[in-house]
Amino acid sequence: MTKTYKAVTYDVCEHNDLYEDMNEYFIDSPEKIDEKIRELAKQDVAPLVKLYELDTRNEFQLIDEYKFKDYDCGCLSKARP
């Protein structure tokens, strides 16, 4: 049985209280999934990507979160003198 995964990219800015989903991507194979997640984060410039797996009830369950400091908004560091 093939598992189905969904990756959701998020735009996050703690300074402006922003936590917004951007895009959803379906992934058919767990092969090189970490690499695929990194590519999606880079494509969307997303500091957070959540990975979900389709369960037996046909509902997506959160299985992992990936954080990418390279894509943080950086507005806190810009606001400091």
PDB file of N, CA and C in Angstrom:
ATOM      1  N   MET A   1       0.843  -1.186   0.000  1.00  0.00           N
ATOM      2  CA  MET A   1       0.000   0.000   0.000  1.00  0.00           C
ATOM      3  C   MET A   1       0.889   1.249   0.000  1.00  0.00           C
ATOM      4  N   THR A   2       0.650   2.126  -0.939  1.00  0.00           N
ATOM      5  CA  THR A   2       1.413   3.359  -1.071  1.00  0.00           C
ATOM      6  C   THR A   2       0.890   4.391  -0.084  1.00  0.00           C
ATOM      7  N   LYS A   3       1.824   5.033   0.593  1.00  0.00           N
ATOM      8  CA  LYS A   3       1.435   6.092   1.524  1.00  0.00           C
ATOM      9  C   LYS A   3       1.455   7.427   0.794  1.00  0.00           C
ATOM     10  N   THR A   4       0.559   8.298   1.205  1.00  0.00           N
ATOM     11  CA  THR A   4       0.488   9.630   0.632  1.00  0.00           C
ATOM     12  C   THR A   4       0.865  10.638   1.707  1.00  0.00           C
ATOM     13  N   TYR A   5       1.698  11.584   1.321  1.00  0.00           N
ATOM     14  CA  TYR A   5       2.152  12.623   2.228  1.00  0.00           C
ATOM     15  C   TYR A   5       1.752  13.979   1.680  1.00  0.00           C
ATOM     16  N   LYS A   6       1.579  14.917   2.596  1.00  0.00           N
ATOM     17  CA  LYS A   6       1.283  16.289   2.211  1.00  0.00           C
ATOM     18  C   LYS A   6       2.248  17.190   2.980  1.00  0.00           C
ATOM     19  N   ALA A   7       2.915  18.071   2.254  1.00  0.00           N
ATOM     20  CA  ALA A   7       3.794  19.060   2.875  1.00  0.00           C
ATOM     21  C   ALA A   7       3.115  20.416   2.741  1.00  0.00           C
ATOM     22  N   VAL A   8       3.088  21.151   3.845  1.00  0.00           N
ATOM     23  CA  VAL A   8       2.488  22.486   3.848  1.00  0.00           C
ATOM     24  C   VAL A   8       3.566  23.481   4.264  1.00  0.00           C
ATOM     25  N   THR A   9       3.782  24.479   3.419  1.00  0.00           N
ATOM     26  CA  THR A   9       4.768  25.516   3.735  1.00  0.00           C
ATOM     27  C   THR A   9       4.070  26.663   4.471  1.00  0.00           C
ATOM     28  N   TYR A  10       4.813  27.268   5.394  1.00  0.00           N
ATOM     29  CA  TYR A  10       4.261  28.345   6.218  1.00  0.00           C
ATOM     30  C   TYR A  10       5.182  29.550   6.203  1.00  0.00           C
ATOM     31  N   ASP A  11       4.571  30.724   6.200  1.00  0.00           N
ATOM     32  CA  ASP A  11       5.284  31.974   6.390  1.00  0.00           C
ATOM     33  C   ASP A  11       5.100  32.343   7.855  1.00  0.00           C
ATOM     34  N   VAL A  12       6.205  32.606   8.545  1.00  0.00           N
ATOM     35  CA  VAL A  12       6.151  32.868   9.982  1.00  0.00           C
ATOM     36  C   VAL A  12       6.946  34.125  10.312  1.00  0.00           C
ATOM     37  N   CYS A  13       6.329  35.012  11.078  1.00  0.00           N
ATOM     38  CA  CYS A  13       7.012  36.196  11.587  1.00  0.00           C
ATOM     39  C   CYS A  13       6.489  36.442  12.997  1.00  0.00           C
ATOM     40  N   GLU A  14       7.281  36.089  13.987  1.00  0.00           N
ATOM     41  CA  GLU A  14       6.853  36.267  15.378  1.00  0.00           C
ATOM     42  C   GLU A  14       6.663  37.748  15.712  1.00  0.00           C
ATOM     43  N   HIS A  15       7.486  38.605  15.140  1.00  0.00           N
ATOM     44  CA  HIS A  15       7.427  40.046  15.415  1.00  0.00           C
ATOM     45  C   HIS A  15       6.067  40.634  15.009  1.00  0.00           C
ATOM     46  N   ASN A  16       5.523  40.176  13.898  1.00  0.00           N
ATOM     47  CA  ASN A  16       4.239  40.691  13.396  1.00  0.00           C
ATOM     48  C   ASN A  16       3.081  39.724  13.631  1.00  0.00           C
ATOM     49  N   ASP A  17       3.282  38.736  14.493  1.00  0.00           N
ATOM     50  CA  ASP A  17       2.253  37.727  14.786  1.00  0.00           C
ATOM     51  C   ASP A  17       1.701  37.074  13.516  1.00  0.00           C
ATOM     52  N   LEU A  18       2.598  36.744  12.609  1.00  0.00           N
ATOM     53  CA  LEU A  18       2.195  36.116  11.353  1.00  0.00           C
ATOM     54  C   LEU A  18       2.504  34.624  11.392  1.00  0.00           C
ATOM     55  N   TYR A  19       1.513  33.824  11.091  1.00  0.00           N
ATOM     56  CA  TYR A  19       1.663  32.374  10.971  1.00  0.00           C
ATOM     57  C   TYR A  19       0.650  31.957   9.916  1.00  0.00           C
ATOM     58  N   GLU A  20       1.116  31.865   8.669  1.00  0.00           N
ATOM     59  CA  GLU A  20       0.190  31.706   7.553  1.00  0.00           C
ATOM     60  C   GLU A  20       0.644  30.572   6.641  1.00  0.00           C
ATOM     61  N   ASP A  21      -0.293  29.674   6.335  1.00  0.00           N
ATOM     62  CA  ASP A  21       0.059  28.625   5.385  1.00  0.00           C
ATOM     63  C   ASP A  21       0.114  29.210   3.987  1.00  0.00           C
ATOM     64  N   MET A  22       1.076  28.722   3.208  1.00  0.00           N
ATOM     65  CA  MET A  22       1.260  29.261   1.861  1.00  0.00           C
ATOM     66  C   MET A  22       0.792  28.267   0.804  1.00  0.00           C
ATOM     67  N   ASN A  23       1.441  27.108   0.757  1.00  0.00           N
ATOM     68  CA  ASN A  23       1.130  26.139  -0.291  1.00  0.00           C
ATOM     69  C   ASN A  23       1.106  24.724   0.262  1.00  0.00           C
ATOM     70  N   GLU A  24       0.357  23.868  -0.426  1.00  0.00           N
ATOM     71  CA  GLU A  24       0.303  22.443  -0.106  1.00  0.00           C
ATOM     72  C   GLU A  24       0.885  21.663  -1.275  1.00  0.00           C
ATOM     73  N   TYR A  25       1.676  20.651  -0.946  1.00  0.00           N
ATOM     74  CA  TYR A  25       2.274  19.794  -1.966  1.00  0.00           C
ATOM     75  C   TYR A  25       2.053  18.339  -1.577  1.00  0.00           C
ATOM     76  N   PHE A  26       1.654  17.538  -2.533  1.00  0.00           N
ATOM     77  CA  PHE A  26       1.467  16.120  -2.267  1.00  0.00           C
ATOM     78  C   PHE A  26       2.706  15.359  -2.718  1.00  0.00           C
ATOM     79  N   ILE A  27       3.128  14.444  -1.864  1.00  0.00           N
ATOM     80  CA  ILE A  27       4.330  13.654  -2.097  1.00  0.00           C
ATOM     81  C   ILE A  27       3.929  12.192  -2.067  1.00  0.00           C
ATOM     82  N   ASP A  28       4.226  11.469  -3.140  1.00  0.00           N
ATOM     83  CA  ASP A  28       3.800  10.072  -3.255  1.00  0.00           C
ATOM     84  C   ASP A  28       4.777   9.067  -2.667  1.00  0.00           C
ATOM     85  N   SER A  29       6.012   9.479  -2.512  1.00  0.00           N
ATOM     86  CA  SER A  29       7.029   8.534  -2.067  1.00  0.00           C
ATOM     87  C   SER A  29       7.849   9.114  -0.920  1.00  0.00           C
ATOM     88  N   PRO A  30       8.133   8.302   0.097  1.00  0.00           N
ATOM     89  CA  PRO A  30       8.967   8.789   1.198  1.00  0.00           C
ATOM     90  C   PRO A  30      10.454   8.833   0.841  1.00  0.00           C
ATOM     91  N   GLU A  31      10.782   8.361  -0.358  1.00  0.00           N
ATOM     92  CA  GLU A  31      12.167   8.345  -0.807  1.00  0.00           C
ATOM     93  C   GLU A  31      12.715   9.766  -0.902  1.00  0.00           C
ATOM     94  N   LYS A  32      13.810  10.028  -0.219  1.00  0.00           N
ATOM     95  CA  LYS A  32      14.464  11.350  -0.207  1.00  0.00           C
ATOM     96  C   LYS A  32      13.506  12.459   0.215  1.00  0.00           C
ATOM     97  N   ILE A  33      12.642  12.147   1.170  1.00  0.00           N
ATOM     98  CA  ILE A  33      11.621  13.115   1.567  1.00  0.00           C
ATOM     99  C   ILE A  33      12.236  14.361   2.204  1.00  0.00           C
ATOM    100  N   ASP A  34      13.325  14.194   2.968  1.00  0.00           N
ATOM    101  CA  ASP A  34      13.982  15.361   3.573  1.00  0.00           C
ATOM    102  C   ASP A  34      14.488  16.319   2.499  1.00  0.00           C
ATOM    103  N   GLU A  35      15.025  15.763   1.441  1.00  0.00           N
ATOM    104  CA  GLU A  35      15.519  16.577   0.326  1.00  0.00           C
ATOM    105  C   GLU A  35      14.363  17.306  -0.364  1.00  0.00           C
ATOM    106  N   LYS A  36      13.255  16.612  -0.548  1.00  0.00           N
ATOM    107  CA  LYS A  36      12.078  17.227  -1.175  1.00  0.00           C
ATOM    108  C   LYS A  36      11.541  18.372  -0.319  1.00  0.00           C
ATOM    109  N   ILE A  37      11.526  18.162   0.996  1.00  0.00           N
ATOM    110  CA  ILE A  37      11.043  19.204   1.912  1.00  0.00           C
ATOM    111  C   ILE A  37      11.952  20.435   1.827  1.00  0.00           C
ATOM    112  N   ARG A  38      13.261  20.217   1.803  1.00  0.00           N
ATOM    113  CA  ARG A  38      14.212  21.341   1.677  1.00  0.00           C
ATOM    114  C   ARG A  38      13.972  22.122   0.390  1.00  0.00           C
ATOM    115  N   GLU A  39      13.716  21.407  -0.700  1.00  0.00           N
ATOM    116  CA  GLU A  39      13.458  22.062  -1.989  1.00  0.00           C
ATOM    117  C   GLU A  39      12.180  22.908  -1.935  1.00  0.00           C
ATOM    118  N   LEU A  40      11.148  22.381  -1.282  1.00  0.00           N
ATOM    119  CA  LEU A  40       9.893  23.128  -1.167  1.00  0.00           C
ATOM    120  C   LEU A  40      10.075  24.374  -0.309  1.00  0.00           C
ATOM    121  N   ALA A  41      10.833  24.251   0.778  1.00  0.00           N
ATOM    122  CA  ALA A  41      11.102  25.401   1.639  1.00  0.00           C
ATOM    123  C   ALA A  41      11.855  26.474   0.859  1.00  0.00           C
ATOM    124  N   LYS A  42      12.830  26.057   0.080  1.00  0.00           N
ATOM    125  CA  LYS A  42      13.610  27.011  -0.725  1.00  0.00           C
ATOM    126  C   LYS A  42      12.724  27.677  -1.782  1.00  0.00           C
ATOM    127  N   GLN A  43      11.905  26.879  -2.446  1.00  0.00           N
ATOM    128  CA  GLN A  43      11.025  27.399  -3.496  1.00  0.00           C
ATOM    129  C   GLN A  43      10.063  28.454  -2.955  1.00  0.00           C
ATOM    130  N   ASP A  44       9.495  28.204  -1.762  1.00  0.00           N
ATOM    131  CA  ASP A  44       8.508  29.116  -1.180  1.00  0.00           C
ATOM    132  C   ASP A  44       9.126  30.119  -0.203  1.00  0.00           C
ATOM    133  N   VAL A  45      10.433  30.009   0.036  1.00  0.00           N
ATOM    134  CA  VAL A  45      11.124  30.813   1.045  1.00  0.00           C
ATOM    135  C   VAL A  45      10.347  30.678   2.362  1.00  0.00           C
ATOM    136  N   ALA A  46      10.175  29.437   2.775  1.00  0.00           N
ATOM    137  CA  ALA A  46       9.358  29.105   3.945  1.00  0.00           C
ATOM    138  C   ALA A  46      10.231  28.675   5.123  1.00  0.00           C
ATOM    139  N   PRO A  47      10.102  29.370   6.245  1.00  0.00           N
ATOM    140  CA  PRO A  47      10.873  28.978   7.416  1.00  0.00           C
ATOM    141  C   PRO A  47      10.330  27.738   8.119  1.00  0.00           C
ATOM    142  N   LEU A  48       9.112  27.334   7.768  1.00  0.00           N
ATOM    143  CA  LEU A  48       8.488  26.175   8.401  1.00  0.00           C
ATOM    144  C   LEU A  48       7.749  25.348   7.361  1.00  0.00           C
ATOM    145  N   VAL A  49       7.973  24.036   7.404  1.00  0.00           N
ATOM    146  CA  VAL A  49       7.232  23.106   6.562  1.00  0.00           C
ATOM    147  C   VAL A  49       6.736  21.989   7.463  1.00  0.00           C
ATOM    148  N   LYS A  50       5.450  21.727   7.394  1.00  0.00           N
ATOM    149  CA  LYS A  50       4.865  20.632   8.172  1.00  0.00           C
ATOM    150  C   LYS A  50       4.553  19.485   7.223  1.00  0.00           C
ATOM    151  N   LEU A  51       4.877  18.276   7.679  1.00  0.00           N
ATOM    152  CA  LEU A  51       4.657  17.079   6.879  1.00  0.00           C
ATOM    153  C   LEU A  51       3.539  16.251   7.500  1.00  0.00           C
ATOM    154  N   TYR A  52       2.569  15.902   6.681  1.00  0.00           N
ATOM    155  CA  TYR A  52       1.418  15.112   7.106  1.00  0.00           C
ATOM    156  C   TYR A  52       1.390  13.801   6.330  1.00  0.00           C
ATOM    157  N   GLU A  53       0.795  12.790   6.963  1.00  0.00           N
ATOM    158  CA  GLU A  53       0.637  11.489   6.315  1.00  0.00           C
ATOM    159  C   GLU A  53      -0.838  11.126   6.321  1.00  0.00           C
ATOM    160  N   LEU A  54      -1.314  10.594   5.210  1.00  0.00           N
ATOM    161  CA  LEU A  54      -2.701  10.161   5.113  1.00  0.00           C
ATOM    162  C   LEU A  54      -2.871   8.883   5.913  1.00  0.00           C
ATOM    163  N   ASP A  55      -3.788   8.897   6.886  1.00  0.00           N
ATOM    164  CA  ASP A  55      -3.981   7.708   7.719  1.00  0.00           C
ATOM    165  C   ASP A  55      -5.099   6.823   7.175  1.00  0.00           C
ATOM    166  N   THR A  56      -5.417   5.780   7.911  1.00  0.00           N
ATOM    167  CA  THR A  56      -6.410   4.796   7.456  1.00  0.00           C
ATOM    168  C   THR A  56      -7.825   5.362   7.409  1.00  0.00           C
ATOM    169  N   ARG A  57      -8.060   6.483   8.086  1.00  0.00           N
ATOM    170  CA  ARG A  57      -9.383   7.123   8.065  1.00  0.00           C
ATOM    171  C   ARG A  57      -9.468   8.190   6.982  1.00  0.00           C
ATOM    172  N   ASN A  58      -8.457   8.217   6.104  1.00  0.00           N
ATOM    173  CA  ASN A  58      -8.380   9.224   5.044  1.00  0.00           C
ATOM    174  C   ASN A  58      -8.298  10.647   5.596  1.00  0.00           C
ATOM    175  N   GLU A  59      -7.584  10.797   6.700  1.00  0.00           N
ATOM    176  CA  GLU A  59      -7.324  12.098   7.284  1.00  0.00           C
ATOM    177  C   GLU A  59      -5.812  12.280   7.371  1.00  0.00           C
ATOM    178  N   PHE A  60      -5.372  13.501   7.196  1.00  0.00           N
ATOM    179  CA  PHE A  60      -3.943  13.774   7.287  1.00  0.00           C
ATOM    180  C   PHE A  60      -3.556  14.036   8.741  1.00  0.00           C
ATOM    181  N   GLN A  61      -2.525  13.332   9.179  1.00  0.00           N
ATOM    182  CA  GLN A  61      -2.001  13.467  10.536  1.00  0.00           C
ATOM    183  C   GLN A  61      -0.591  14.055  10.467  1.00  0.00           C
ATOM    184  N   LEU A  62      -0.316  15.044  11.313  1.00  0.00           N
ATOM    185  CA  LEU A  62       1.006  15.658  11.367  1.00  0.00           C
ATOM    186  C   LEU A  62       2.026  14.622  11.838  1.00  0.00           C
ATOM    187  N   ILE A  63       3.106  14.462  11.065  1.00  0.00           N
ATOM    188  CA  ILE A  63       4.147  13.516  11.473  1.00  0.00           C
ATOM    189  C   ILE A  63       5.497  14.185  11.707  1.00  0.00           C
ATOM    190  N   ASP A  64       5.709  15.383  11.180  1.00  0.00           N
ATOM    191  CA  ASP A  64       6.991  16.041  11.385  1.00  0.00           C
ATOM    192  C   ASP A  64       6.903  17.521  11.024  1.00  0.00           C
ATOM    193  N   GLU A  65       7.800  18.304  11.630  1.00  0.00           N
ATOM    194  CA  GLU A  65       7.941  19.722  11.311  1.00  0.00           C
ATOM    195  C   GLU A  65       9.400  19.986  10.980  1.00  0.00           C
ATOM    196  N   TYR A  66       9.613  20.757   9.949  1.00  0.00           N
ATOM    197  CA  TYR A  66      10.964  21.135   9.528  1.00  0.00           C
ATOM    198  C   TYR A  66      11.094  22.640   9.637  1.00  0.00           C
ATOM    199  N   LYS A  67      12.152  23.105  10.310  1.00  0.00           N
ATOM    200  CA  LYS A  67      12.385  24.543  10.449  1.00  0.00           C
ATOM    201  C   LYS A  67      13.657  24.909   9.701  1.00  0.00           C
ATOM    202  N   PHE A  68      13.585  26.020   8.988  1.00  0.00           N
ATOM    203  CA  PHE A  68      14.697  26.486   8.162  1.00  0.00           C
ATOM    204  C   PHE A  68      15.043  27.920   8.546  1.00  0.00           C
ATOM    205  N   LYS A  69      16.091  28.077   9.340  1.00  0.00           N
ATOM    206  CA  LYS A  69      16.521  29.395   9.819  1.00  0.00           C
ATOM    207  C   LYS A  69      16.901  30.323   8.664  1.00  0.00           C
ATOM    208  N   ASP A  70      17.395  29.740   7.565  1.00  0.00           N
ATOM    209  CA  ASP A  70      17.790  30.560   6.413  1.00  0.00           C
ATOM    210  C   ASP A  70      16.634  31.381   5.852  1.00  0.00           C
ATOM    211  N   TYR A  71      15.393  30.927   6.098  1.00  0.00           N
ATOM    212  CA  TYR A  71      14.237  31.603   5.519  1.00  0.00           C
ATOM    213  C   TYR A  71      13.409  32.349   6.566  1.00  0.00           C
ATOM    214  N   ASP A  72      13.952  32.493   7.794  1.00  0.00           N
ATOM    215  CA  ASP A  72      13.272  33.322   8.794  1.00  0.00           C
ATOM    216  C   ASP A  72      13.151  34.739   8.268  1.00  0.00           C
ATOM    217  N   CYS A  73      12.135  35.449   8.703  1.00  0.00           N
ATOM    218  CA  CYS A  73      11.908  36.803   8.189  1.00  0.00           C
ATOM    219  C   CYS A  73      13.037  37.746   8.564  1.00  0.00           C
ATOM    220  N   GLY A  74      13.622  37.579   9.740  1.00  0.00           N
ATOM    221  CA  GLY A  74      14.750  38.411  10.124  1.00  0.00           C
ATOM    222  C   GLY A  74      14.371  39.818  10.582  1.00  0.00           C
ATOM    223  N   CYS A  75      13.092  40.115  10.706  1.00  0.00           N
ATOM    224  CA  CYS A  75      12.717  41.481  11.061  1.00  0.00           C
ATOM    225  C   CYS A  75      13.128  41.818  12.490  1.00  0.00           C
ATOM    226  N   LEU A  76      13.237  40.855  13.380  1.00  0.00           N
ATOM    227  CA  LEU A  76      13.689  41.136  14.743  1.00  0.00           C
ATOM    228  C   LEU A  76      15.145  41.591  14.740  1.00  0.00           C
ATOM    229  N   SER A  77      15.963  40.937  13.950  1.00  0.00           N
ATOM    230  CA  SER A  77      17.362  41.334  13.897  1.00  0.00           C
ATOM    231  C   SER A  77      17.547  42.682  13.190  1.00  0.00           C
ATOM    232  N   LYS A  78      16.656  43.001  12.264  1.00  0.00           N
ATOM    233  CA  LYS A  78      16.724  44.291  11.564  1.00  0.00           C
ATOM    234  C   LYS A  78      16.274  45.437  12.460  1.00  0.00           C
ATOM    235  N   ALA A  79      15.367  45.149  13.409  1.00  0.00           N
ATOM    236  CA  ALA A  79      14.815  46.180  14.277  1.00  0.00           C
ATOM    237  C   ALA A  79      15.799  46.596  15.369  1.00  0.00           C
ATOM    238  N   ARG A  80      16.756  45.735  15.660  1.00  0.00           N
ATOM    239  CA  ARG A  80      17.736  46.033  16.705  1.00  0.00           C
ATOM    240  C   ARG A  80      18.833  46.941  16.166  1.00  0.00           C
ATOM    241  N   PRO A  81      19.267  47.898  16.989  1.00  0.00           N
ATOM    242  CA  PRO A  81      20.340  48.803  16.526  1.00  0.00           C
ATOM    243  C   PRO A  81      21.685  48.114  16.451  1.00  0.00           C
TER     244      PRO A  81
END
